Amino acid sequence: MAPPVAETVNDQSNDYASVVSKLSDLNVVVSGTYNTVKTGSDASWLEKIPGPTKKRLEKYGIDLSKGYPKVPDRKDIPTFLDEAYKIRNKEYPYIERGKSADPSKSALFSAAKEVNNLTAHIGTEISSSNPTNWHSDLVHEFQPAGITHLHNDTIPDVGGDTLWASGYAAYDKLSPAFQQFLDGKTAIYRSAHQYLDRENPLSGGKYIEREHPIVRTHPATGWKYLFVNRAMTVRIVGLEPAESELILNFLYDVYEKNLDIQVRWNWRSENGLGTSAIWDNRVANHNAVWDYEGKEPRHGTRVTSLAEVPYFDPQSKSQRQALGLDKE
């Protein structure tokens, strides 16, 4: 059975809807876009921005004359490291890799196309030279990623879009017989990067693998959705390798080749303050378009929450069933 849904608290002081002036659909099956009323800090806050950061923003056309997006007080930003450690895999526990890393970061930088702003105050910006596949974040966790917020403050003049595809709609693309075949099956999901063992960092990095349902039930809607992605879903449990590969490649294509379940988002912002996107990593695969080929900077800040432990409820319905779109 589905776990109980947490009660919603309507706090007007922090109500997201209070800053939304308009909400409209982007796609029949995917999401929405919004325009916000005036928010953020006034121009006096600009004095707190480190000089090199301000130069970078101004260099790439970020208009700072009207202030800067609101930055919360540090005391209001909780630290969840202790809580996060409790839910991680005990076999490959979390380690702060910087403590054991090469101070020169030679291995990291050798794989980068460009390294910017390497200063003690700002940190390091690394430009990758590799495009990404369709994926969902942190699928190797006990509790994979949930709601994600990404604010892009620097974008290419042309290109650099992001695409999302709906797992609800991907599941509805399958025949009832194929849906029944997949329901209840699990797959192995592998981390995008290697991690060091906290207790034995010298043993070298290891990929983390986790078993999750291929078809998940969303705790808020109660709907089934397809939970696979080309980048990190390794194999289907209980099938021969050739069988698993054949089925997974078909499921990847369902996500990637059905344009009617996708939305493509351009990050351009008229006011120069950047654009934010919020999505549910459980339900949506995403992909960044590499058409600008790294010739212009693309920079953003992302915050990701962890969702529930993935589960499949045999009594749950598909989106089309729940909305009464399928004939009985």
C-alpha atoms as a PDB file:
ATOM      1  CA  MET A   1       0.000   0.000   0.000  1.00  0.00           C
ATOM      2  CA  ALA A   2       1.078   3.579  -0.582  1.00  0.00           C
ATOM      3  CA  PRO A   3       2.536   5.439   2.408  1.00  0.00           C
ATOM      4  CA  PRO A   4       0.446   8.251   3.889  1.00  0.00           C
ATOM      5  CA  VAL A   5       0.860  11.648   2.263  1.00  0.00           C
ATOM      6  CA  ALA A   6       2.147  14.354   4.599  1.00  0.00           C
ATOM      7  CA  GLU A   7      -0.316  17.069   5.553  1.00  0.00           C
ATOM      8  CA  THR A   8       0.162  20.310   3.630  1.00  0.00           C
ATOM      9  CA  VAL A   9       0.751  23.387   5.759  1.00  0.00           C
ATOM     10  CA  ASN A  10      -0.364  26.676   4.224  1.00  0.00           C
ATOM     11  CA  ASP A  11       2.251  29.120   5.485  1.00  0.00           C
ATOM     12  CA  GLN A  12       1.507  32.410   3.755  1.00  0.00           C
ATOM     13  CA  SER A  13       4.936  33.816   4.570  1.00  0.00           C
ATOM     14  CA  ASN A  14       6.628  31.012   2.640  1.00  0.00           C
ATOM     15  CA  ASP A  15       3.808  30.076   0.270  1.00  0.00           C
ATOM     16  CA  TYR A  16       5.279  29.460  -3.171  1.00  0.00           C
ATOM     17  CA  ALA A  17       2.003  30.464  -4.788  1.00  0.00           C
ATOM     18  CA  SER A  18       2.270  33.915  -3.210  1.00  0.00           C
ATOM     19  CA  VAL A  19       5.027  34.903  -5.664  1.00  0.00           C
ATOM     20  CA  VAL A  20       3.403  33.380  -8.735  1.00  0.00           C
ATOM     21  CA  SER A  21       1.467  35.772 -10.927  1.00  0.00           C
ATOM     22  CA  LYS A  22       0.763  33.441 -13.833  1.00  0.00           C
ATOM     23  CA  LEU A  23       0.865  29.671 -14.401  1.00  0.00           C
ATOM     24  CA  SER A  24       0.390  28.042 -17.779  1.00  0.00           C
ATOM     25  CA  ASP A  25       0.845  24.575 -19.261  1.00  0.00           C
ATOM     26  CA  LEU A  26       3.996  23.860 -21.253  1.00  0.00           C
ATOM     27  CA  ASN A  27       2.823  20.532 -22.611  1.00  0.00           C
ATOM     28  CA  VAL A  28      -0.216  18.278 -22.456  1.00  0.00           C
ATOM     29  CA  VAL A  29       1.487  15.736 -20.199  1.00  0.00           C
ATOM     30  CA  VAL A  30       4.481  17.451 -18.639  1.00  0.00           C
ATOM     31  CA  SER A  31       4.559  20.707 -16.707  1.00  0.00           C
ATOM     32  CA  GLY A  32       3.982  24.434 -16.459  1.00  0.00           C
ATOM     33  CA  THR A  33       5.762  27.756 -16.598  1.00  0.00           C
ATOM     34  CA  TYR A  34       5.247  30.795 -14.436  1.00  0.00           C
ATOM     35  CA  ASN A  35       6.002  34.476 -14.209  1.00  0.00           C
ATOM     36  CA  THR A  36       6.870  35.814 -10.794  1.00  0.00           C
ATOM     37  CA  VAL A  37       6.142  39.108  -9.163  1.00  0.00           C
ATOM     38  CA  LYS A  38       9.042  41.193  -7.875  1.00  0.00           C
ATOM     39  CA  THR A  39      11.158  39.276  -5.385  1.00  0.00           C
ATOM     40  CA  GLY A  40      14.744  39.275  -4.239  1.00  0.00           C
ATOM     41  CA  SER A  41      17.128  41.659  -2.532  1.00  0.00           C
ATOM     42  CA  ASP A  42      17.664  45.274  -3.468  1.00  0.00           C
ATOM     43  CA  ALA A  43      20.845  46.677  -4.972  1.00  0.00           C
ATOM     44  CA  SER A  44      22.461  47.179  -1.553  1.00  0.00           C
ATOM     45  CA  TRP A  45      23.030  43.421  -1.369  1.00  0.00           C
ATOM     46  CA  LEU A  46      25.396  43.662  -4.350  1.00  0.00           C
ATOM     47  CA  GLU A  47      28.115  44.936  -2.024  1.00  0.00           C
ATOM     48  CA  LYS A  48      28.264  41.455  -0.496  1.00  0.00           C
ATOM     49  CA  ILE A  49      28.987  39.734  -3.811  1.00  0.00           C
ATOM     50  CA  PRO A  50      32.714  38.994  -4.246  1.00  0.00           C
ATOM     51  CA  GLY A  51      34.261  41.136  -6.953  1.00  0.00           C
ATOM     52  CA  PRO A  52      35.221  38.285  -9.323  1.00  0.00           C
ATOM     53  CA  THR A  53      31.706  36.839  -9.067  1.00  0.00           C
ATOM     54  CA  LYS A  54      30.164  40.210  -9.901  1.00  0.00           C
ATOM     55  CA  LYS A  55      32.487  40.559 -12.896  1.00  0.00           C
ATOM     56  CA  ARG A  56      31.530  37.098 -14.130  1.00  0.00           C
ATOM     57  CA  LEU A  57      27.813  37.887 -13.905  1.00  0.00           C
ATOM     58  CA  GLU A  58      28.215  41.243 -15.634  1.00  0.00           C
ATOM     59  CA  LYS A  59      30.502  39.761 -18.294  1.00  0.00           C
ATOM     60  CA  TYR A  60      27.789  37.350 -19.363  1.00  0.00           C
ATOM     61  CA  GLY A  61      25.015  39.906 -19.442  1.00  0.00           C
ATOM     62  CA  ILE A  62      23.408  39.400 -16.008  1.00  0.00           C
ATOM     63  CA  ASP A  63      21.677  42.669 -15.126  1.00  0.00           C
ATOM     64  CA  LEU A  64      22.493  43.478 -11.506  1.00  0.00           C
ATOM     65  CA  SER A  65      21.137  47.030 -11.514  1.00  0.00           C
ATOM     66  CA  LYS A  66      17.798  45.957 -10.027  1.00  0.00           C
ATOM     67  CA  GLY A  67      19.247  43.867  -7.247  1.00  0.00           C
ATOM     68  CA  TYR A  68      19.890  40.173  -6.884  1.00  0.00           C
ATOM     69  CA  PRO A  69      17.613  37.173  -6.235  1.00  0.00           C
ATOM     70  CA  LYS A  70      16.894  36.720  -2.547  1.00  0.00           C
ATOM     71  CA  VAL A  71      19.578  34.944  -0.553  1.00  0.00           C
ATOM     72  CA  PRO A  72      18.383  33.487   2.786  1.00  0.00           C
ATOM     73  CA  ASP A  73      20.234  34.078   6.033  1.00  0.00           C
ATOM     74  CA  ARG A  74      22.801  31.392   6.719  1.00  0.00           C
ATOM     75  CA  LYS A  75      21.081  30.501   9.982  1.00  0.00           C
ATOM     76  CA  ASP A  76      17.956  29.626   7.997  1.00  0.00           C
ATOM     77  CA  ILE A  77      19.793  27.110   5.807  1.00  0.00           C
ATOM     78  CA  PRO A  78      19.771  23.744   7.629  1.00  0.00           C
ATOM     79  CA  THR A  79      22.571  21.232   7.314  1.00  0.00           C
ATOM     80  CA  PHE A  80      21.404  17.716   6.554  1.00  0.00           C
ATOM     81  CA  LEU A  81      24.715  15.848   6.399  1.00  0.00           C
ATOM     82  CA  ASP A  82      23.997  13.768   9.502  1.00  0.00           C
ATOM     83  CA  GLU A  83      20.512  12.869   8.289  1.00  0.00           C
ATOM     84  CA  ALA A  84      21.754  12.121   4.778  1.00  0.00           C
ATOM     85  CA  TYR A  85      24.449   9.785   6.077  1.00  0.00           C
ATOM     86  CA  LYS A  86      21.877   7.719   7.976  1.00  0.00           C
ATOM     87  CA  ILE A  87      20.024   6.757   4.813  1.00  0.00           C
ATOM     88  CA  ARG A  88      23.015   5.990   2.620  1.00  0.00           C
ATOM     89  CA  ASN A  89      24.359   2.582   1.759  1.00  0.00           C
ATOM     90  CA  LYS A  90      26.439   1.233   4.647  1.00  0.00           C
ATOM     91  CA  GLU A  91      28.549  -0.863   2.302  1.00  0.00           C
ATOM     92  CA  TYR A  92      29.770   2.208   0.446  1.00  0.00           C
ATOM     93  CA  PRO A  93      29.178   5.031   2.952  1.00  0.00           C
ATOM     94  CA  TYR A  94      29.587   8.673   2.127  1.00  0.00           C
ATOM     95  CA  ILE A  95      32.998  10.284   2.304  1.00  0.00           C
ATOM     96  CA  GLU A  96      33.916  13.895   1.757  1.00  0.00           C
ATOM     97  CA  ARG A  97      36.276  13.219  -1.089  1.00  0.00           C
ATOM     98  CA  GLY A  98      38.015  16.565  -0.753  1.00  0.00           C
ATOM     99  CA  LYS A  99      39.709  15.434   2.475  1.00  0.00           C
ATOM    100  CA  SER A 100      41.592  12.682   0.666  1.00  0.00           C
ATOM    101  CA  ALA A 101      41.904  14.378  -2.700  1.00  0.00           C
ATOM    102  CA  ASP A 102      44.935  15.699  -4.479  1.00  0.00           C
ATOM    103  CA  PRO A 103      45.081  19.416  -3.554  1.00  0.00           C
ATOM    104  CA  SER A 104      46.062  20.226  -7.135  1.00  0.00           C
ATOM    105  CA  LYS A 105      42.947  18.389  -8.384  1.00  0.00           C
ATOM    106  CA  SER A 106      44.982  17.231 -11.368  1.00  0.00           C
ATOM    107  CA  ALA A 107      42.795  14.198 -12.090  1.00  0.00           C
ATOM    108  CA  LEU A 108      39.616  16.273 -12.010  1.00  0.00           C
ATOM    109  CA  PHE A 109      40.985  19.124 -14.071  1.00  0.00           C
ATOM    110  CA  SER A 110      42.511  16.808 -16.653  1.00  0.00           C
ATOM    111  CA  ALA A 111      38.992  15.706 -17.625  1.00  0.00           C
ATOM    112  CA  ALA A 112      37.689  19.264 -17.835  1.00  0.00           C
ATOM    113  CA  LYS A 113      37.514  21.386 -20.936  1.00  0.00           C
ATOM    114  CA  GLU A 114      37.868  24.629 -19.024  1.00  0.00           C
ATOM    115  CA  VAL A 115      38.437  25.700 -15.405  1.00  0.00           C
ATOM    116  CA  ASN A 116      37.235  29.142 -14.324  1.00  0.00           C
ATOM    117  CA  ASN A 117      37.500  31.288 -11.190  1.00  0.00           C
ATOM    118  CA  LEU A 118      39.917  29.086  -9.271  1.00  0.00           C
ATOM    119  CA  THR A 119      40.074  31.254  -6.159  1.00  0.00           C
ATOM    120  CA  ALA A 120      39.793  30.552  -2.467  1.00  0.00           C
ATOM    121  CA  HIS A 121      36.743  32.781  -2.079  1.00  0.00           C
ATOM    122  CA  ILE A 122      34.579  31.670  -4.961  1.00  0.00           C
ATOM    123  CA  GLY A 123      35.526  28.083  -5.628  1.00  0.00           C
ATOM    124  CA  THR A 124      35.971  26.369  -8.937  1.00  0.00           C
ATOM    125  CA  GLU A 125      33.836  26.252 -12.039  1.00  0.00           C
ATOM    126  CA  ILE A 126      34.553  23.273 -14.256  1.00  0.00           C
ATOM    127  CA  SER A 127      33.316  23.086 -17.824  1.00  0.00           C
ATOM    128  CA  SER A 128      32.778  19.538 -19.013  1.00  0.00           C
ATOM    129  CA  SER A 129      33.502  18.444 -22.539  1.00  0.00           C
ATOM    130  CA  ASN A 130      31.021  15.570 -22.569  1.00  0.00           C
ATOM    131  CA  PRO A 131      27.295  15.733 -23.383  1.00  0.00           C
ATOM    132  CA  THR A 132      24.903  13.860 -21.123  1.00  0.00           C
ATOM    133  CA  ASN A 133      22.421  11.085 -21.758  1.00  0.00           C
ATOM    134  CA  TRP A 134      18.820  11.117 -20.636  1.00  0.00           C
ATOM    135  CA  HIS A 135      18.831  10.464 -16.908  1.00  0.00           C
ATOM    136  CA  SER A 136      17.263  10.994 -13.507  1.00  0.00           C
ATOM    137  CA  ASP A 137      19.513  12.136 -10.675  1.00  0.00           C
ATOM    138  CA  LEU A 138      20.874  10.034  -7.801  1.00  0.00           C
ATOM    139  CA  VAL A 139      19.130   6.798  -8.744  1.00  0.00           C
ATOM    140  CA  HIS A 140      21.761   4.844  -6.780  1.00  0.00           C
ATOM    141  CA  GLU A 141      20.514   6.186  -3.442  1.00  0.00           C
ATOM    142  CA  PHE A 142      18.211   4.345  -1.046  1.00  0.00           C
ATOM    143  CA  GLN A 143      16.032   7.416  -1.547  1.00  0.00           C
ATOM    144  CA  PRO A 144      16.654   8.815  -5.050  1.00  0.00           C
ATOM    145  CA  ALA A 145      16.175  12.466  -5.899  1.00  0.00           C
ATOM    146  CA  GLY A 146      12.752  14.065  -5.584  1.00  0.00           C
ATOM    147  CA  ILE A 147      11.817  17.685  -6.210  1.00  0.00           C
ATOM    148  CA  THR A 148      14.660  19.632  -7.826  1.00  0.00           C
ATOM    149  CA  HIS A 149      15.143  23.368  -8.314  1.00  0.00           C
ATOM    150  CA  LEU A 150      17.666  24.629 -10.878  1.00  0.00           C
ATOM    151  CA  HIS A 151      18.408  28.314 -11.413  1.00  0.00           C
ATOM    152  CA  ASN A 152      20.522  29.079 -14.488  1.00  0.00           C
ATOM    153  CA  ASP A 153      22.078  32.534 -14.225  1.00  0.00           C
ATOM    154  CA  THR A 154      24.401  32.263 -17.232  1.00  0.00           C
ATOM    155  CA  ILE A 155      23.224  30.760 -20.501  1.00  0.00           C
ATOM    156  CA  PRO A 156      24.460  30.633 -24.104  1.00  0.00           C
ATOM    157  CA  ASP A 157      23.053  33.168 -26.549  1.00  0.00           C
ATOM    158  CA  VAL A 158      21.657  30.253 -28.539  1.00  0.00           C
ATOM    159  CA  GLY A 159      21.144  26.671 -27.369  1.00  0.00           C
ATOM    160  CA  GLY A 160      21.770  24.972 -24.053  1.00  0.00           C
ATOM    161  CA  ASP A 161      18.116  23.978 -23.644  1.00  0.00           C
ATOM    162  CA  THR A 162      16.929  21.276 -21.250  1.00  0.00           C
ATOM    163  CA  LEU A 163      14.441  18.539 -22.130  1.00  0.00           C
ATOM    164  CA  TRP A 164      12.192  16.613 -19.764  1.00  0.00           C
ATOM    165  CA  ALA A 165      10.126  13.513 -20.497  1.00  0.00           C
ATOM    166  CA  SER A 166       7.216  12.243 -18.393  1.00  0.00           C
ATOM    167  CA  GLY A 167       7.454   8.823 -16.758  1.00  0.00           C
ATOM    168  CA  TYR A 168       3.672   8.765 -16.352  1.00  0.00           C
ATOM    169  CA  ALA A 169       3.200   9.176 -20.095  1.00  0.00           C
ATOM    170  CA  ALA A 170       6.044   6.770 -20.903  1.00  0.00           C
ATOM    171  CA  TYR A 171       4.268   4.039 -18.936  1.00  0.00           C
ATOM    172  CA  ASP A 172       1.004   4.844 -20.731  1.00  0.00           C
ATOM    173  CA  LYS A 173       2.772   4.340 -24.073  1.00  0.00           C
ATOM    174  CA  LEU A 174       3.148   0.626 -23.287  1.00  0.00           C
ATOM    175  CA  SER A 175       0.564  -2.022 -24.130  1.00  0.00           C
ATOM    176  CA  PRO A 176      -1.435  -3.456 -21.197  1.00  0.00           C
ATOM    177  CA  ALA A 177       0.326  -6.806 -21.654  1.00  0.00           C
ATOM    178  CA  PHE A 178       3.769  -5.201 -21.524  1.00  0.00           C
ATOM    179  CA  GLN A 179       2.746  -3.086 -18.533  1.00  0.00           C
ATOM    180  CA  GLN A 180       1.702  -6.261 -16.735  1.00  0.00           C
ATOM    181  CA  PHE A 181       5.040  -7.886 -17.608  1.00  0.00           C
ATOM    182  CA  LEU A 182       7.007  -4.977 -16.102  1.00  0.00           C
ATOM    183  CA  ASP A 183       4.851  -4.406 -13.012  1.00  0.00           C
ATOM    184  CA  GLY A 184       6.669  -5.728  -9.965  1.00  0.00           C
ATOM    185  CA  LYS A 185      10.016  -6.254 -11.693  1.00  0.00           C
ATOM    186  CA  THR A 186      13.168  -4.565 -10.443  1.00  0.00           C
ATOM    187  CA  ALA A 187      16.387  -3.350 -12.027  1.00  0.00           C
ATOM    188  CA  ILE A 188      19.890  -2.438 -10.911  1.00  0.00           C
ATOM    189  CA  TYR A 189      20.752   1.269 -10.994  1.00  0.00           C
ATOM    190  CA  ARG A 190      24.373   2.432 -10.951  1.00  0.00           C
ATOM    191  CA  SER A 191      25.782   5.744  -9.742  1.00  0.00           C
ATOM    192  CA  ALA A 192      27.079   8.157 -12.351  1.00  0.00           C
ATOM    193  CA  HIS A 193      30.376   8.506 -10.485  1.00  0.00           C
ATOM    194  CA  GLN A 194      32.615   6.394  -8.288  1.00  0.00           C
ATOM    195  CA  TYR A 195      32.725   6.915  -4.523  1.00  0.00           C
ATOM    196  CA  LEU A 196      35.386   6.220  -1.924  1.00  0.00           C
ATOM    197  CA  ASP A 197      34.746   4.060   1.120  1.00  0.00           C
ATOM    198  CA  ARG A 198      34.872   6.219   4.232  1.00  0.00           C
ATOM    199  CA  GLU A 199      36.652   3.456   6.159  1.00  0.00           C
ATOM    200  CA  ASN A 200      39.049   2.482   3.384  1.00  0.00           C
ATOM    201  CA  PRO A 201      39.541   5.343   0.914  1.00  0.00           C
ATOM    202  CA  LEU A 202      42.808   3.888  -0.386  1.00  0.00           C
ATOM    203  CA  SER A 203      40.943   0.908  -1.843  1.00  0.00           C
ATOM    204  CA  GLY A 204      39.866   3.127  -4.710  1.00  0.00           C
ATOM    205  CA  GLY A 205      36.556   4.343  -5.978  1.00  0.00           C
ATOM    206  CA  LYS A 206      33.585   2.069  -6.513  1.00  0.00           C
ATOM    207  CA  TYR A 207      30.295   2.557  -8.282  1.00  0.00           C
ATOM    208  CA  ILE A 208      27.258   2.232  -6.044  1.00  0.00           C
ATOM    209  CA  GLU A 209      24.528  -0.085  -7.310  1.00  0.00           C
ATOM    210  CA  ARG A 210      20.972  -0.211  -6.013  1.00  0.00           C
ATOM    211  CA  GLU A 211      17.907  -2.296  -6.802  1.00  0.00           C
ATOM    212  CA  HIS A 212      14.663  -0.394  -7.427  1.00  0.00           C
ATOM    213  CA  PRO A 213      11.303  -1.150  -9.093  1.00  0.00           C
ATOM    214  CA  ILE A 214      11.160  -0.537 -12.839  1.00  0.00           C
ATOM    215  CA  VAL A 215       7.609   0.714 -12.397  1.00  0.00           C
ATOM    216  CA  ARG A 216       7.199   2.958  -9.359  1.00  0.00           C
ATOM    217  CA  THR A 217       4.106   4.332  -7.661  1.00  0.00           C
ATOM    218  CA  HIS A 218       4.111   8.043  -6.864  1.00  0.00           C
ATOM    219  CA  PRO A 219       3.055   8.600  -3.221  1.00  0.00           C
ATOM    220  CA  ALA A 220       1.289  11.901  -3.947  1.00  0.00           C
ATOM    221  CA  THR A 221      -0.735  10.944  -7.034  1.00  0.00           C
ATOM    222  CA  GLY A 222      -0.866   7.171  -6.581  1.00  0.00           C
ATOM    223  CA  TRP A 223      -0.043   6.783 -10.285  1.00  0.00           C
ATOM    224  CA  LYS A 224       2.355   4.307 -11.883  1.00  0.00           C
ATOM    225  CA  TYR A 225       5.314   5.580 -13.864  1.00  0.00           C
ATOM    226  CA  LEU A 226       8.255   4.121 -15.753  1.00  0.00           C
ATOM    227  CA  PHE A 227      11.522   4.489 -13.840  1.00  0.00           C
ATOM    228  CA  VAL A 228      14.441   3.727 -16.171  1.00  0.00           C
ATOM    229  CA  ASN A 229      17.094   5.834 -17.862  1.00  0.00           C
ATOM    230  CA  ARG A 230      19.814   5.074 -20.386  1.00  0.00           C
ATOM    231  CA  ALA A 231      22.649   6.537 -18.317  1.00  0.00           C
ATOM    232  CA  MET A 232      22.218   4.594 -15.081  1.00  0.00           C
ATOM    233  CA  THR A 233      19.824   1.635 -15.397  1.00  0.00           C
ATOM    234  CA  VAL A 234      22.137  -1.363 -15.762  1.00  0.00           C
ATOM    235  CA  ARG A 235      20.050  -4.542 -15.996  1.00  0.00           C
ATOM    236  CA  ILE A 236      16.690  -6.077 -15.144  1.00  0.00           C
ATOM    237  CA  VAL A 237      16.830  -8.518 -12.254  1.00  0.00           C
ATOM    238  CA  GLY A 238      15.905 -12.106 -13.135  1.00  0.00           C
ATOM    239  CA  LEU A 239      16.400 -11.840 -16.895  1.00  0.00           C
ATOM    240  CA  GLU A 240      19.228 -13.053 -19.079  1.00  0.00           C
ATOM    241  CA  PRO A 241      21.640 -10.257 -20.098  1.00  0.00           C
ATOM    242  CA  ALA A 242      20.498 -10.303 -23.727  1.00  0.00           C
ATOM    243  CA  GLU A 243      16.833 -10.172 -22.680  1.00  0.00           C
ATOM    244  CA  SER A 244      17.480  -7.333 -20.264  1.00  0.00           C
ATOM    245  CA  GLU A 245      19.435  -5.305 -22.814  1.00  0.00           C
ATOM    246  CA  LEU A 246      16.736  -5.698 -25.450  1.00  0.00           C
ATOM    247  CA  ILE A 247      13.923  -4.614 -23.129  1.00  0.00           C
ATOM    248  CA  LEU A 248      15.822  -1.728 -21.561  1.00  0.00           C
ATOM    249  CA  ASN A 249      16.831  -0.305 -24.930  1.00  0.00           C
ATOM    250  CA  PHE A 250      13.180  -0.354 -25.953  1.00  0.00           C
ATOM    251  CA  LEU A 251      12.153   1.413 -22.733  1.00  0.00           C
ATOM    252  CA  TYR A 252      14.878   4.033 -23.169  1.00  0.00           C
ATOM    253  CA  ASP A 253      13.510   4.735 -26.638  1.00  0.00           C
ATOM    254  CA  VAL A 254      10.009   5.187 -25.254  1.00  0.00           C
ATOM    255  CA  TYR A 255      11.317   8.068 -23.145  1.00  0.00           C
ATOM    256  CA  GLU A 256      13.612   9.530 -25.771  1.00  0.00           C
ATOM    257  CA  LYS A 257      11.763   9.150 -29.089  1.00  0.00           C
ATOM    258  CA  ASN A 258       8.176  10.064 -28.188  1.00  0.00           C
ATOM    259  CA  LEU A 259       8.129  13.825 -28.644  1.00  0.00           C
ATOM    260  CA  ASP A 260       4.559  14.116 -27.362  1.00  0.00           C
ATOM    261  CA  ILE A 261       5.660  13.203 -23.817  1.00  0.00           C
ATOM    262  CA  GLN A 262       8.535  15.690 -23.787  1.00  0.00           C
ATOM    263  CA  VAL A 263       8.968  19.380 -23.149  1.00  0.00           C
ATOM    264  CA  ARG A 264      11.946  21.450 -24.282  1.00  0.00           C
ATOM    265  CA  TRP A 265      12.825  24.477 -22.192  1.00  0.00           C
ATOM    266  CA  ASN A 266      14.894  27.482 -23.260  1.00  0.00           C
ATOM    267  CA  TRP A 267      16.534  29.278 -20.347  1.00  0.00           C
ATOM    268  CA  ARG A 268      16.613  32.760 -21.855  1.00  0.00           C
ATOM    269  CA  SER A 269      15.376  35.440 -19.481  1.00  0.00           C
ATOM    270  CA  GLU A 270      14.175  38.876 -20.535  1.00  0.00           C
ATOM    271  CA  ASN A 271      15.044  40.522 -17.231  1.00  0.00           C
ATOM    272  CA  GLY A 272      18.601  39.172 -17.168  1.00  0.00           C
ATOM    273  CA  LEU A 273      18.280  37.618 -13.718  1.00  0.00           C
ATOM    274  CA  GLY A 274      18.187  34.063 -14.997  1.00  0.00           C
ATOM    275  CA  THR A 275      15.463  31.441 -15.059  1.00  0.00           C
ATOM    276  CA  SER A 276      14.422  28.734 -12.602  1.00  0.00           C
ATOM    277  CA  ALA A 277      12.941  25.315 -13.258  1.00  0.00           C
ATOM    278  CA  ILE A 278      11.360  22.973 -10.717  1.00  0.00           C
ATOM    279  CA  TRP A 279      10.695  19.328 -11.529  1.00  0.00           C
ATOM    280  CA  ASP A 280      10.108  15.967  -9.887  1.00  0.00           C
ATOM    281  CA  ASN A 281      13.093  13.695 -10.553  1.00  0.00           C
ATOM    282  CA  ARG A 282      11.008  10.650  -9.707  1.00  0.00           C
ATOM    283  CA  VAL A 283       8.709  11.129 -12.663  1.00  0.00           C
ATOM    284  CA  ALA A 284      10.796  13.035 -15.211  1.00  0.00           C
ATOM    285  CA  ASN A 285      13.955  12.093 -17.061  1.00  0.00           C
ATOM    286  CA  HIS A 286      15.929  15.071 -18.316  1.00  0.00           C
ATOM    287  CA  ASN A 287      18.739  15.898 -20.709  1.00  0.00           C
ATOM    288  CA  ALA A 288      20.790  19.020 -21.399  1.00  0.00           C
ATOM    289  CA  VAL A 289      21.229  19.824 -25.083  1.00  0.00           C
ATOM    290  CA  TRP A 290      24.885  20.173 -26.063  1.00  0.00           C
ATOM    291  CA  ASP A 291      24.248  22.133 -29.267  1.00  0.00           C
ATOM    292  CA  TYR A 292      26.364  25.069 -28.062  1.00  0.00           C
ATOM    293  CA  GLU A 293      29.307  22.642 -27.660  1.00  0.00           C
ATOM    294  CA  GLY A 294      30.719  24.445 -24.641  1.00  0.00           C
ATOM    295  CA  LYS A 295      31.661  27.492 -26.716  1.00  0.00           C
ATOM    296  CA  GLU A 296      29.731  29.738 -24.340  1.00  0.00           C
ATOM    297  CA  PRO A 297      29.330  29.436 -20.553  1.00  0.00           C
ATOM    298  CA  ARG A 298      26.307  27.760 -19.000  1.00  0.00           C
ATOM    299  CA  HIS A 299      26.140  28.165 -15.229  1.00  0.00           C
ATOM    300  CA  GLY A 300      23.494  27.444 -12.626  1.00  0.00           C
ATOM    301  CA  THR A 301      22.772  26.477  -9.038  1.00  0.00           C
ATOM    302  CA  ARG A 302      20.786  23.361  -8.191  1.00  0.00           C
ATOM    303  CA  VAL A 303      19.105  22.157  -5.016  1.00  0.00           C
ATOM    304  CA  THR A 304      17.747  18.604  -4.892  1.00  0.00           C
ATOM    305  CA  SER A 305      15.627  16.919  -2.235  1.00  0.00           C
ATOM    306  CA  LEU A 306      15.567  13.195  -1.524  1.00  0.00           C
ATOM    307  CA  ALA A 307      12.269  11.414  -2.097  1.00  0.00           C
ATOM    308  CA  GLU A 308      10.815   8.264  -0.544  1.00  0.00           C
ATOM    309  CA  VAL A 309      12.277   4.764  -0.846  1.00  0.00           C
ATOM    310  CA  PRO A 310      10.996   3.605  -4.276  1.00  0.00           C
ATOM    311  CA  TYR A 311       8.087   1.168  -4.139  1.00  0.00           C
ATOM    312  CA  PHE A 312       5.453  -0.400  -6.391  1.00  0.00           C
ATOM    313  CA  ASP A 313       1.842  -0.671  -5.268  1.00  0.00           C
ATOM    314  CA  PRO A 314      -0.015  -3.353  -7.292  1.00  0.00           C
ATOM    315  CA  GLN A 315      -3.270  -1.497  -6.627  1.00  0.00           C
ATOM    316  CA  SER A 316      -2.062   1.773  -8.139  1.00  0.00           C
ATOM    317  CA  LYS A 317      -3.314   2.988 -11.519  1.00  0.00           C
ATOM    318  CA  SER A 318      -1.701   4.564 -14.529  1.00  0.00           C
ATOM    319  CA  GLN A 319      -2.233   8.234 -15.245  1.00  0.00           C
ATOM    320  CA  ARG A 320      -4.691   7.509 -18.052  1.00  0.00           C
ATOM    321  CA  GLN A 321      -6.650   5.081 -15.895  1.00  0.00           C
ATOM    322  CA  ALA A 322      -6.814   7.508 -12.985  1.00  0.00           C
ATOM    323  CA  LEU A 323      -8.008  10.336 -15.235  1.00  0.00           C
ATOM    324  CA  GLY A 324     -10.577   8.141 -16.956  1.00  0.00           C
ATOM    325  CA  LEU A 325      -8.932   8.429 -20.366  1.00  0.00           C
ATOM    326  CA  ASP A 326      -8.859   4.685 -21.069  1.00  0.00           C
ATOM    327  CA  LYS A 327     -11.967   2.853 -22.142  1.00  0.00           C
ATOM    328  CA  GLU A 328     -13.047   0.083 -19.838  1.00  0.00           C
END
